[in-house]
């Protein structure tokens, strides 16, 4: 199997940095685009989950920002690595009261849906 350790860490487990505490009492929905396995991006939803009692929905989108283009194998690999990092470090922290979605690229390349003019 591939090593899913966060991209900027050589640790076997994720040690989340201590970030000054913050509370978002009214935050209900969070969506993070271009989510990757970078340590800082894994830490962010963990901190949001821990410090946002009003959270109802969390969406992590692992696809690249461009959608109407053929995706490369590298794009698919990075997306899969991000999904594995989510499964390893984040899923177990999400309360059952929070709707949690992880969007990933399929193994089939996305194609341009717009007709050529």
C-alpha atoms as a PDB file:
ATOM      1  CA  UNK A   1       0.000   0.000   0.000  1.00  0.00           C
ATOM      2  CA  UNK A   2       0.942   3.610  -0.444  1.00  0.00           C
ATOM      3  CA  UNK A   3       2.212   5.600   2.502  1.00  0.00           C
ATOM      4  CA  UNK A   4      -0.502   8.052   3.453  1.00  0.00           C
ATOM      5  CA  UNK A   5       1.519  10.022   5.963  1.00  0.00           C
ATOM      6  CA  UNK A   6       0.785  13.723   5.460  1.00  0.00           C
ATOM      7  CA  UNK A   7       2.911  15.253   2.719  1.00  0.00           C
ATOM      8  CA  UNK A   8       4.913  17.542   4.976  1.00  0.00           C
ATOM      9  CA  UNK A   9       5.416  15.132   7.873  1.00  0.00           C
ATOM     10  CA  UNK A  10       7.497  12.002   8.353  1.00  0.00           C
ATOM     11  CA  UNK A  11       5.643  10.956  11.502  1.00  0.00           C
ATOM     12  CA  UNK A  12       3.751   7.666  11.703  1.00  0.00           C
ATOM     13  CA  UNK A  13       0.832   9.453  13.321  1.00  0.00           C
ATOM     14  CA  UNK A  14      -0.419  12.983  13.015  1.00  0.00           C
ATOM     15  CA  UNK A  15       0.505  15.233  15.906  1.00  0.00           C
ATOM     16  CA  UNK A  16      -1.703  18.259  15.514  1.00  0.00           C
ATOM     17  CA  UNK A  17       0.085  21.485  16.310  1.00  0.00           C
ATOM     18  CA  UNK A  18      -1.266  23.540  19.153  1.00  0.00           C
ATOM     19  CA  UNK A  19      -3.191  26.402  17.633  1.00  0.00           C
ATOM     20  CA  UNK A  20      -4.599  29.150  19.843  1.00  0.00           C
ATOM     21  CA  UNK A  21      -8.119  28.105  20.753  1.00  0.00           C
ATOM     22  CA  UNK A  22     -10.942  29.572  18.774  1.00  0.00           C
ATOM     23  CA  UNK A  23     -14.690  29.069  18.956  1.00  0.00           C
ATOM     24  CA  UNK A  24     -17.124  29.425  16.102  1.00  0.00           C
ATOM     25  CA  UNK A  25     -20.430  29.208  17.906  1.00  0.00           C
ATOM     26  CA  UNK A  26     -22.547  30.012  14.834  1.00  0.00           C
ATOM     27  CA  UNK A  27     -20.642  28.213  12.063  1.00  0.00           C
ATOM     28  CA  UNK A  28     -22.874  25.511  10.563  1.00  0.00           C
ATOM     29  CA  UNK A  29     -21.469  24.541   7.166  1.00  0.00           C
ATOM     30  CA  UNK A  30     -17.850  24.225   6.062  1.00  0.00           C
ATOM     31  CA  UNK A  31     -16.555  23.232   2.639  1.00  0.00           C
ATOM     32  CA  UNK A  32     -12.841  22.948   1.875  1.00  0.00           C
ATOM     33  CA  UNK A  33     -11.939  22.853  -1.818  1.00  0.00           C
ATOM     34  CA  UNK A  34      -8.757  21.255  -3.222  1.00  0.00           C
ATOM     35  CA  UNK A  35      -8.287  19.324   0.029  1.00  0.00           C
ATOM     36  CA  UNK A  36      -4.991  17.418   0.080  1.00  0.00           C
ATOM     37  CA  UNK A  37      -2.971  15.297   2.472  1.00  0.00           C
ATOM     38  CA  UNK A  38      -0.819  18.271   3.531  1.00  0.00           C
ATOM     39  CA  UNK A  39      -0.521  18.336   7.321  1.00  0.00           C
ATOM     40  CA  UNK A  40      -1.927  21.860   7.597  1.00  0.00           C
ATOM     41  CA  UNK A  41      -5.037  20.851   5.646  1.00  0.00           C
ATOM     42  CA  UNK A  42      -5.575  17.805   7.838  1.00  0.00           C
ATOM     43  CA  UNK A  43      -5.243  19.945  10.956  1.00  0.00           C
ATOM     44  CA  UNK A  44      -7.807  22.501   9.793  1.00  0.00           C
ATOM     45  CA  UNK A  45     -10.945  20.301   9.752  1.00  0.00           C
ATOM     46  CA  UNK A  46      -9.805  18.633  12.999  1.00  0.00           C
ATOM     47  CA  UNK A  47      -9.680  22.031  14.707  1.00  0.00           C
ATOM     48  CA  UNK A  48     -13.006  23.039  13.165  1.00  0.00           C
ATOM     49  CA  UNK A  49     -14.634  19.820  14.442  1.00  0.00           C
ATOM     50  CA  UNK A  50     -13.185  20.315  17.938  1.00  0.00           C
ATOM     51  CA  UNK A  51     -14.121  23.996  18.258  1.00  0.00           C
ATOM     52  CA  UNK A  52     -17.414  24.360  16.397  1.00  0.00           C
ATOM     53  CA  UNK A  53     -20.319  22.999  18.451  1.00  0.00           C
ATOM     54  CA  UNK A  54     -22.863  24.323  15.944  1.00  0.00           C
ATOM     55  CA  UNK A  55     -21.308  22.448  12.973  1.00  0.00           C
ATOM     56  CA  UNK A  56     -23.916  20.613  10.888  1.00  0.00           C
ATOM     57  CA  UNK A  57     -22.110  19.876   7.613  1.00  0.00           C
ATOM     58  CA  UNK A  58     -18.460  19.379   6.624  1.00  0.00           C
ATOM     59  CA  UNK A  59     -17.426  18.785   3.005  1.00  0.00           C
ATOM     60  CA  UNK A  60     -13.853  18.018   1.937  1.00  0.00           C
ATOM     61  CA  UNK A  61     -13.355  18.168  -1.834  1.00  0.00           C
ATOM     62  CA  UNK A  62     -10.158  16.394  -2.923  1.00  0.00           C
ATOM     63  CA  UNK A  63     -10.484  17.196  -6.613  1.00  0.00           C
ATOM     64  CA  UNK A  64      -8.375  19.865  -8.353  1.00  0.00           C
ATOM     65  CA  UNK A  65      -9.925  23.287  -8.869  1.00  0.00           C
ATOM     66  CA  UNK A  66     -10.473  22.773 -12.568  1.00  0.00           C
ATOM     67  CA  UNK A  67     -13.463  20.572 -13.361  1.00  0.00           C
ATOM     68  CA  UNK A  68     -13.952  20.662 -17.116  1.00  0.00           C
ATOM     69  CA  UNK A  69     -10.638  19.138 -18.076  1.00  0.00           C
ATOM     70  CA  UNK A  70      -9.235  15.669 -18.436  1.00  0.00           C
ATOM     71  CA  UNK A  71      -7.628  14.723 -15.146  1.00  0.00           C
ATOM     72  CA  UNK A  72      -4.163  13.219 -15.052  1.00  0.00           C
ATOM     73  CA  UNK A  73      -3.186  10.047 -13.228  1.00  0.00           C
ATOM     74  CA  UNK A  74      -1.276  12.278 -10.801  1.00  0.00           C
ATOM     75  CA  UNK A  75      -4.500  14.190 -10.019  1.00  0.00           C
ATOM     76  CA  UNK A  76      -6.258  10.898  -9.292  1.00  0.00           C
ATOM     77  CA  UNK A  77      -3.356   9.679  -7.126  1.00  0.00           C
ATOM     78  CA  UNK A  78      -3.301  12.907  -5.097  1.00  0.00           C
ATOM     79  CA  UNK A  79      -7.062  12.747  -4.621  1.00  0.00           C
ATOM     80  CA  UNK A  80      -6.857   9.132  -3.427  1.00  0.00           C
ATOM     81  CA  UNK A  81      -4.005   9.995  -1.042  1.00  0.00           C
ATOM     82  CA  UNK A  82      -6.111  12.829   0.414  1.00  0.00           C
ATOM     83  CA  UNK A  83      -9.079  10.475   0.873  1.00  0.00           C
ATOM     84  CA  UNK A  84      -6.846   7.962   2.674  1.00  0.00           C
ATOM     85  CA  UNK A  85      -5.556  10.724   4.966  1.00  0.00           C
ATOM     86  CA  UNK A  86      -9.164  11.708   5.747  1.00  0.00           C
ATOM     87  CA  UNK A  87      -9.995   8.092   6.576  1.00  0.00           C
ATOM     88  CA  UNK A  88      -6.950   7.786   8.816  1.00  0.00           C
ATOM     89  CA  UNK A  89      -6.947  11.108  10.658  1.00  0.00           C
ATOM     90  CA  UNK A  90     -10.370  12.786  10.420  1.00  0.00           C
ATOM     91  CA  UNK A  91     -13.286  10.342  10.066  1.00  0.00           C
ATOM     92  CA  UNK A  92     -13.100   9.129  13.665  1.00  0.00           C
ATOM     93  CA  UNK A  93     -13.310  12.692  14.981  1.00  0.00           C
ATOM     94  CA  UNK A  94     -16.510  13.674  13.169  1.00  0.00           C
ATOM     95  CA  UNK A  95     -19.545  13.601  15.502  1.00  0.00           C
ATOM     96  CA  UNK A  96     -22.542  11.599  14.293  1.00  0.00           C
ATOM     97  CA  UNK A  97     -24.581  14.821  14.322  1.00  0.00           C
ATOM     98  CA  UNK A  98     -22.434  16.290  11.511  1.00  0.00           C
ATOM     99  CA  UNK A  99     -23.176  15.482   7.874  1.00  0.00           C
ATOM    100  CA  UNK A 100     -19.751  14.560   6.504  1.00  0.00           C
ATOM    101  CA  UNK A 101     -18.878  14.249   2.818  1.00  0.00           C
ATOM    102  CA  UNK A 102     -15.596  13.561   1.091  1.00  0.00           C
ATOM    103  CA  UNK A 103     -15.600  14.276  -2.639  1.00  0.00           C
ATOM    104  CA  UNK A 104     -12.964  12.505  -4.702  1.00  0.00           C
ATOM    105  CA  UNK A 105     -12.033  11.954  -8.309  1.00  0.00           C
ATOM    106  CA  UNK A 106     -13.093   8.662  -9.759  1.00  0.00           C
ATOM    107  CA  UNK A 107     -10.516   6.425 -11.388  1.00  0.00           C
ATOM    108  CA  UNK A 108     -12.074   7.368 -14.727  1.00  0.00           C
ATOM    109  CA  UNK A 109     -10.774  10.699 -16.060  1.00  0.00           C
ATOM    110  CA  UNK A 110     -13.331  13.473 -16.153  1.00  0.00           C
ATOM    111  CA  UNK A 111     -13.946  14.780 -19.643  1.00  0.00           C
ATOM    112  CA  UNK A 112     -14.872  18.196 -20.916  1.00  0.00           C
ATOM    113  CA  UNK A 113     -18.670  18.386 -21.023  1.00  0.00           C
ATOM    114  CA  UNK A 114     -18.747  21.496 -23.188  1.00  0.00           C
ATOM    115  CA  UNK A 115     -19.009  20.966 -26.948  1.00  0.00           C
ATOM    116  CA  UNK A 116     -16.173  22.270 -29.057  1.00  0.00           C
ATOM    117  CA  UNK A 117     -17.255  25.402 -30.917  1.00  0.00           C
END
